[in-house]
Amino acid sequence: MSANTRMTPWTVRLSAQMYQRLLVAYPQSFRRVYGAPMLQVFRDCCRDAASTGGTTSLLRYWLIAFGDLIMSALAERRREEVHMSRTSWIRLGSLAAIISGVIATVFVALSLTVAIAQLLDENSSLGVALFPVHVVSWGAPALVVFDVLALIGLQARGASRAGVVGWISITGAILGLIVAALGSGLTSVVMYSQAGSCYSPLNCNFYDPDRYLLMGYMGGMLGSVIFAIGMIVFGITALRRRVLPRHNWLLLTIGLILLLNIATSVIAMLVSGGSDYAGTQKVVIMLSVLPLASAILWIALGGAMRPRGDEETVVQSVPTPVEPAV
């Protein structure tokens, strides 16, 4: 037994042992870092209280320290829950962005396959076989689920740095995605219900007296524009405030590519009305470049969103036991 232990009153030693057991109220990660310093401070405070006022002073300090321990432990537990919830959303958003990019890449590849096959041979069986996937385009409405999750994770990732402008822009992007999904969904429903009347990807006659196709197209375009503008504004905020730890340029680039894709699609639709069959297929092939680039960037964004190992630890403040009143 050391000299310090022999000189420490048994009441102080018992108090330190009890306090050490009570530290279990704190999260394990917190105890691992701050448990020993807190116990040492508590032991010193108990020794001072016992030396100045005896057992009565020690009991008075115990009441104060116990109340402080309960309140700070509850605060740390709550902080850990909030942090874990935020980390979970970031991880989910990162995975959703990667899945969205992969699925979009597959759909663009199918579109290119159909266009190239039809360009080489108008009666290509490959184009006819892939035609329902190419025309109905169920991928666009389905991808919205993953895209929304990715944006929620992105907002959680940069919540502390993006500020009000970032929050408004990312919320606008989510609303734009929802509007675009509703428009694309309406278009897909009409196309799917009459897909049997199509003989080739470029030979479709849809019966649409109520102009549902036009409504769906306009809704999809409006939502896409809102989504693109939201991503551009958030991308500018990310560059200025470094929302992501790396590759902040991805956000602005995705927004600009989306806006450019919308503009080129509208222009192509207006000028390709008088084009021949081969010319139309060439337009389809050229228009696939931007969606393919966007899909690849979404995959890269998912990787950039993932929290690194040194970002998993929460920066916490150490609750110091209250000094005893002399």
Protein backbone atom coordinates (compact mmCIF):
# COMPACT_ATOMS: atom_id res chain seq x y z
CA MET A 1 0.00 0.00 0.00
CA SER A 2 1.43 3.38 -1.01
CA ALA A 3 1.88 6.34 1.31
CA ASN A 4 -0.74 8.35 -0.54
CA THR A 5 -3.29 5.58 -0.08
CA ARG A 6 -2.53 5.33 3.68
CA MET A 7 -2.91 9.11 4.06
CA THR A 8 -6.26 9.20 2.20
CA PRO A 9 -9.26 8.89 4.59
CA TRP A 10 -11.40 5.81 4.11
CA THR A 11 -14.41 8.03 3.42
CA VAL A 12 -12.60 9.60 0.45
CA ARG A 13 -11.50 6.19 -0.86
CA LEU A 14 -15.07 4.86 -0.54
CA SER A 15 -16.43 7.97 -2.26
CA ALA A 16 -14.01 7.56 -5.17
CA GLN A 17 -14.97 3.91 -5.59
CA MET A 18 -18.68 4.77 -5.61
CA TYR A 19 -18.12 7.65 -8.06
CA GLN A 20 -16.19 5.33 -10.36
CA ARG A 21 -19.19 2.97 -10.43
CA LEU A 22 -21.53 5.86 -11.16
CA LEU A 23 -19.51 6.91 -14.21
CA VAL A 24 -21.24 4.08 -16.06
CA ALA A 25 -24.06 6.59 -16.60
CA TYR A 26 -21.90 8.22 -19.29
CA PRO A 27 -21.52 6.70 -22.78
CA GLN A 28 -18.69 4.18 -23.10
CA SER A 29 -16.78 6.29 -25.63
CA PHE A 30 -16.95 9.24 -23.25
CA ARG A 31 -15.76 7.18 -20.25
CA ARG A 32 -12.86 5.81 -22.26
CA VAL A 33 -11.47 9.30 -22.86
CA TYR A 34 -12.57 11.30 -19.82
CA GLY A 35 -13.32 8.74 -17.11
CA ALA A 36 -9.88 8.70 -15.46
CA PRO A 37 -9.43 12.53 -15.37
CA MET A 38 -12.94 12.99 -13.94
CA LEU A 39 -12.28 10.41 -11.23
CA GLN A 40 -8.99 12.08 -10.29
CA VAL A 41 -10.63 15.52 -10.04
CA PHE A 42 -13.46 14.07 -7.94
CA ARG A 43 -11.01 12.34 -5.59
CA ASP A 44 -9.04 15.57 -5.09
CA CYS A 45 -12.21 17.53 -4.42
CA CYS A 46 -13.40 14.95 -1.89
CA ARG A 47 -10.02 15.08 -0.12
CA ASP A 48 -10.22 18.89 0.09
CA ALA A 49 -13.79 18.77 1.36
CA ALA A 50 -12.96 16.16 4.01
CA SER A 51 -9.86 18.05 5.19
CA THR A 52 -11.68 21.38 5.56
CA GLY A 53 -15.10 20.37 6.92
CA GLY A 54 -14.93 16.69 7.75
CA THR A 55 -17.69 14.23 6.93
CA THR A 56 -20.41 16.90 6.82
CA SER A 57 -18.57 18.88 4.14
CA LEU A 58 -17.88 15.68 2.22
CA LEU A 59 -21.57 14.72 2.21
CA ARG A 60 -22.52 18.24 1.07
CA TYR A 61 -20.08 17.97 -1.84
CA TRP A 62 -21.40 14.49 -2.67
CA LEU A 63 -24.93 15.89 -3.14
CA ILE A 64 -23.67 18.62 -5.48
CA ALA A 65 -21.41 16.26 -7.46
CA PHE A 66 -24.13 13.60 -7.77
CA GLY A 67 -26.62 16.11 -9.20
CA ASP A 68 -23.99 17.40 -11.64
CA LEU A 69 -23.13 13.82 -12.72
CA ILE A 70 -26.75 12.93 -13.46
CA MET A 71 -27.41 16.09 -15.51
CA SER A 72 -24.16 15.92 -17.51
CA ALA A 73 -24.53 12.16 -18.13
CA LEU A 74 -28.03 12.67 -19.54
CA ALA A 75 -26.72 15.48 -21.74
CA GLU A 76 -23.90 13.27 -23.08
CA ARG A 77 -26.31 10.40 -23.74
CA ARG A 78 -28.56 12.73 -25.69
CA ARG A 79 -25.61 14.15 -27.61
CA GLU A 80 -24.46 10.66 -28.54
CA GLU A 81 -27.96 9.72 -29.80
CA VAL A 82 -28.12 12.85 -31.97
CA HIS A 83 -24.64 12.18 -33.33
CA MET A 84 -25.40 8.54 -34.13
CA SER A 85 -28.65 9.54 -35.84
CA ARG A 86 -26.83 12.13 -37.94
CA THR A 87 -24.05 9.67 -38.80
CA SER A 88 -26.62 7.06 -39.84
CA TRP A 89 -28.32 9.53 -42.19
CA ILE A 90 -24.96 10.48 -43.70
CA ARG A 91 -24.05 6.84 -44.32
CA LEU A 92 -27.50 6.11 -45.75
CA GLY A 93 -27.28 9.16 -48.02
CA SER A 94 -23.83 8.15 -49.20
CA LEU A 95 -25.01 4.64 -50.08
CA ALA A 96 -28.15 6.03 -51.77
CA ALA A 97 -26.07 8.36 -53.94
CA ILE A 98 -23.86 5.48 -55.07
CA ILE A 99 -26.86 3.24 -55.82
CA SER A 100 -28.58 6.07 -57.71
CA GLY A 101 -25.48 6.67 -59.81
CA VAL A 102 -25.08 2.98 -60.62
CA ILE A 103 -28.75 2.56 -61.61
CA ALA A 104 -28.65 5.73 -63.71
CA THR A 105 -25.51 4.46 -65.44
CA VAL A 106 -27.29 1.20 -66.30
CA PHE A 107 -30.29 3.03 -67.76
CA VAL A 108 -28.08 5.34 -69.81
CA ALA A 109 -26.20 2.29 -71.08
CA LEU A 110 -29.51 0.68 -72.11
CA SER A 111 -30.55 3.87 -73.89
CA LEU A 112 -27.24 4.02 -75.75
CA THR A 113 -27.51 0.34 -76.66
CA VAL A 114 -30.97 0.84 -78.15
CA ALA A 115 -29.96 4.00 -80.02
CA ILE A 116 -26.81 2.46 -81.49
CA ALA A 117 -28.61 -0.76 -82.43
CA GLN A 118 -31.39 1.16 -84.15
CA LEU A 119 -28.88 3.42 -85.90
CA LEU A 120 -27.02 0.44 -87.34
CA ASP A 121 -30.18 -1.51 -88.16
CA GLU A 122 -33.66 -0.03 -88.02
CA ASN A 123 -35.13 -3.51 -87.56
CA SER A 124 -32.63 -4.62 -84.92
CA SER A 125 -34.14 -7.21 -82.58
CA LEU A 126 -31.97 -5.88 -79.74
CA GLY A 127 -33.65 -2.51 -79.90
CA VAL A 128 -37.10 -4.12 -79.94
CA ALA A 129 -36.22 -6.36 -76.97
CA LEU A 130 -35.03 -3.43 -74.85
CA PHE A 131 -37.75 -1.10 -76.06
CA PRO A 132 -40.12 -1.33 -73.03
CA VAL A 133 -37.26 -0.39 -70.67
CA HIS A 134 -36.19 2.41 -72.96
CA VAL A 135 -39.66 3.91 -73.47
CA VAL A 136 -41.31 3.48 -70.11
CA SER A 137 -38.22 4.80 -68.24
CA TRP A 138 -39.36 3.64 -64.83
CA GLY A 139 -35.86 4.38 -63.64
CA ALA A 140 -36.49 8.13 -63.39
CA PRO A 141 -39.32 7.97 -60.81
CA ALA A 142 -37.64 5.11 -58.95
CA LEU A 143 -34.32 6.95 -58.70
CA VAL A 144 -36.01 9.82 -56.86
CA VAL A 145 -36.21 7.72 -53.68
CA PHE A 146 -32.44 7.24 -53.68
CA ASP A 147 -31.79 10.83 -54.72
CA VAL A 148 -33.94 12.22 -51.88
CA LEU A 149 -32.12 10.01 -49.36
CA ALA A 150 -28.82 11.22 -50.80
CA LEU A 151 -29.85 14.87 -50.40
CA ILE A 152 -31.01 14.27 -46.82
CA GLY A 153 -27.66 12.70 -46.04
CA LEU A 154 -25.93 15.60 -47.77
CA GLN A 155 -27.85 18.09 -45.64
CA ALA A 156 -26.91 16.16 -42.49
CA ARG A 157 -23.29 16.10 -43.66
CA GLY A 158 -23.09 19.87 -44.04
CA ALA A 159 -25.70 21.03 -41.54
CA SER A 160 -23.13 22.80 -39.36
CA ARG A 161 -21.53 24.68 -42.25
CA ALA A 162 -24.11 25.19 -44.99
CA GLY A 163 -26.15 27.71 -43.01
CA VAL A 164 -29.58 29.06 -43.92
CA VAL A 165 -28.80 29.38 -47.63
CA GLY A 166 -27.63 25.79 -47.77
CA TRP A 167 -30.70 24.53 -45.93
CA ILE A 168 -33.08 26.44 -48.24
CA SER A 169 -31.29 25.33 -51.41
CA ILE A 170 -31.13 21.65 -50.47
CA THR A 171 -34.81 21.73 -49.40
CA GLY A 172 -35.68 23.30 -52.74
CA ALA A 173 -33.72 20.58 -54.53
CA ILE A 174 -35.69 17.90 -52.66
CA LEU A 175 -39.01 19.56 -53.57
CA GLY A 176 -37.85 19.81 -57.18
CA LEU A 177 -37.05 16.10 -57.19
CA ILE A 178 -40.53 15.27 -55.90
CA VAL A 179 -42.21 17.44 -58.56
CA ALA A 180 -40.03 15.89 -61.27
CA ALA A 181 -40.90 12.41 -60.02
CA LEU A 182 -44.62 13.14 -60.16
CA GLY A 183 -44.31 14.44 -63.72
CA SER A 184 -42.14 11.54 -64.85
CA GLY A 185 -44.45 9.09 -63.11
CA LEU A 186 -47.49 10.47 -64.94
CA THR A 187 -45.67 10.24 -68.27
CA SER A 188 -44.54 6.69 -67.54
CA VAL A 189 -48.05 5.56 -66.61
CA VAL A 190 -49.51 6.86 -69.88
CA MET A 191 -46.69 5.33 -71.93
CA TYR A 192 -46.87 1.99 -70.17
CA SER A 193 -50.64 1.76 -70.61
CA GLN A 194 -50.28 2.15 -74.39
CA ALA A 195 -46.84 0.60 -74.96
CA GLY A 196 -48.45 -2.18 -76.99
CA SER A 197 -49.32 0.30 -79.75
CA CYS A 198 -45.65 1.08 -80.41
CA TYR A 199 -43.82 -0.71 -83.18
CA SER A 200 -40.37 0.74 -82.52
CA PRO A 201 -38.81 3.29 -80.19
CA LEU A 202 -39.52 6.00 -82.76
CA ASN A 203 -42.91 4.80 -83.97
CA CYS A 204 -45.40 5.41 -81.16
CA ASN A 205 -48.87 6.92 -81.37
CA PHE A 206 -50.30 7.70 -77.93
CA TYR A 207 -53.98 8.50 -77.46
CA ASP A 208 -53.91 11.41 -75.03
CA PRO A 209 -57.02 13.60 -75.34
CA ASP A 210 -56.58 15.03 -71.84
CA ARG A 211 -52.95 15.97 -72.51
CA TYR A 212 -51.59 13.93 -69.60
CA LEU A 213 -48.33 13.40 -71.46
CA LEU A 214 -47.85 17.15 -71.84
CA MET A 215 -48.71 17.71 -68.18
CA GLY A 216 -46.26 15.02 -67.13
CA TYR A 217 -43.53 16.38 -69.37
CA MET A 218 -43.99 19.97 -68.16
CA GLY A 219 -44.10 18.85 -64.52
CA GLY A 220 -40.95 16.80 -64.99
CA MET A 221 -39.15 19.71 -66.63
CA LEU A 222 -40.25 22.20 -63.95
CA GLY A 223 -39.14 19.90 -61.15
CA SER A 224 -35.84 19.21 -62.87
CA VAL A 225 -35.14 22.95 -63.20
CA ILE A 226 -35.90 23.54 -59.50
CA PHE A 227 -33.72 20.58 -58.58
CA ALA A 228 -30.83 21.82 -60.74
CA ILE A 229 -31.01 25.38 -59.35
CA GLY A 230 -31.08 24.05 -55.79
CA MET A 231 -28.00 21.94 -56.45
CA ILE A 232 -26.18 24.89 -58.04
CA VAL A 233 -26.88 27.20 -55.08
CA PHE A 234 -25.90 24.48 -52.61
CA GLY A 235 -22.81 23.77 -54.69
CA ILE A 236 -21.72 27.40 -54.46
CA THR A 237 -22.29 27.29 -50.69
CA ALA A 238 -20.27 24.09 -50.48
CA LEU A 239 -17.33 25.70 -52.28
CA ARG A 240 -17.41 28.76 -50.04
CA ARG A 241 -17.89 26.96 -46.72
CA ARG A 242 -16.35 23.56 -47.49
CA VAL A 243 -19.46 21.57 -46.63
CA LEU A 244 -17.72 18.32 -47.58
CA PRO A 245 -14.23 17.40 -46.39
CA ARG A 246 -13.22 16.79 -50.01
CA HIS A 247 -14.46 17.23 -53.59
CA ASN A 248 -16.86 20.12 -52.90
CA TRP A 249 -16.79 20.94 -56.62
CA LEU A 250 -18.94 17.85 -57.29
CA LEU A 251 -22.13 19.54 -56.10
CA LEU A 252 -21.87 22.57 -58.36
CA THR A 253 -20.80 20.41 -61.30
CA ILE A 254 -23.81 18.11 -60.87
CA GLY A 255 -26.16 21.10 -60.79
CA LEU A 256 -24.63 22.68 -63.89
CA ILE A 257 -24.74 19.39 -65.82
CA LEU A 258 -28.40 18.92 -64.86
CA LEU A 259 -29.29 22.41 -66.07
CA LEU A 260 -27.30 21.91 -69.28
CA ASN A 261 -28.99 18.55 -69.85
CA ILE A 262 -32.43 20.16 -69.52
CA ALA A 263 -31.53 22.91 -71.97
CA THR A 264 -30.07 20.53 -74.56
CA SER A 265 -33.08 18.19 -74.25
CA VAL A 266 -35.51 21.04 -74.95
CA ILE A 267 -33.44 22.29 -77.89
CA ALA A 268 -33.11 18.77 -79.30
CA MET A 269 -36.86 18.21 -79.03
CA LEU A 270 -37.55 21.45 -80.91
CA VAL A 271 -35.05 20.93 -83.74
CA SER A 272 -35.31 17.17 -84.23
CA GLY A 273 -38.89 17.18 -85.44
CA GLY A 274 -37.84 17.27 -89.08
CA SER A 275 -34.82 15.00 -88.72
CA ASP A 276 -34.62 11.66 -90.41
CA TYR A 277 -34.42 8.38 -88.52
CA ALA A 278 -30.62 8.28 -88.38
CA GLY A 279 -30.41 11.93 -87.35
CA THR A 280 -32.78 11.38 -84.47
CA GLN A 281 -30.77 8.41 -83.21
CA LYS A 282 -27.57 10.46 -83.37
CA VAL A 283 -29.27 13.11 -81.23
CA VAL A 284 -30.23 10.43 -78.70
CA ILE A 285 -26.63 9.22 -78.56
CA MET A 286 -25.24 12.72 -78.08
CA LEU A 287 -27.80 13.53 -75.38
CA SER A 288 -26.72 10.46 -73.43
CA VAL A 289 -23.31 11.97 -72.67
CA LEU A 290 -24.58 14.42 -70.04
CA PRO A 291 -26.74 11.91 -68.09
CA LEU A 292 -23.83 9.48 -68.10
CA ALA A 293 -21.49 12.15 -66.70
CA SER A 294 -24.10 13.05 -64.07
CA ALA A 295 -24.48 9.41 -63.02
CA ILE A 296 -20.72 9.02 -62.59
CA LEU A 297 -20.57 12.21 -60.52
CA TRP A 298 -23.34 10.91 -58.25
CA ILE A 299 -21.23 7.83 -57.54
CA ALA A 300 -18.25 10.06 -56.74
CA LEU A 301 -20.45 12.25 -54.51
CA GLY A 302 -21.54 9.20 -52.54
CA GLY A 303 -17.91 8.39 -51.87
CA ALA A 304 -17.13 11.99 -50.87
CA MET A 305 -20.05 12.06 -48.42
CA ARG A 306 -18.90 9.07 -46.38
CA PRO A 307 -17.56 10.10 -42.97
CA ARG A 308 -13.91 9.27 -42.42
CA GLY A 309 -12.59 7.52 -39.34
CA ASP A 310 -11.33 10.69 -37.67
CA GLU A 311 -14.75 12.29 -38.10
CA GLU A 312 -16.61 9.61 -36.13
CA THR A 313 -15.50 10.93 -32.75
CA VAL A 314 -17.69 13.60 -31.25
CA VAL A 315 -15.90 16.60 -29.86
CA GLN A 316 -17.20 16.74 -26.31
CA SER A 317 -16.65 19.01 -23.35
CA VAL A 318 -15.50 17.39 -20.13
CA PRO A 319 -17.89 18.05 -17.22
CA THR A 320 -15.60 19.02 -14.34
CA PRO A 321 -16.83 18.06 -10.87
CA VAL A 322 -17.89 21.06 -8.83
CA GLU A 323 -15.26 22.44 -6.48
CA PRO A 324 -16.29 22.15 -2.83
CA ALA A 325 -17.13 25.35 -1.02
CA VAL A 326 -14.52 26.25 1.54
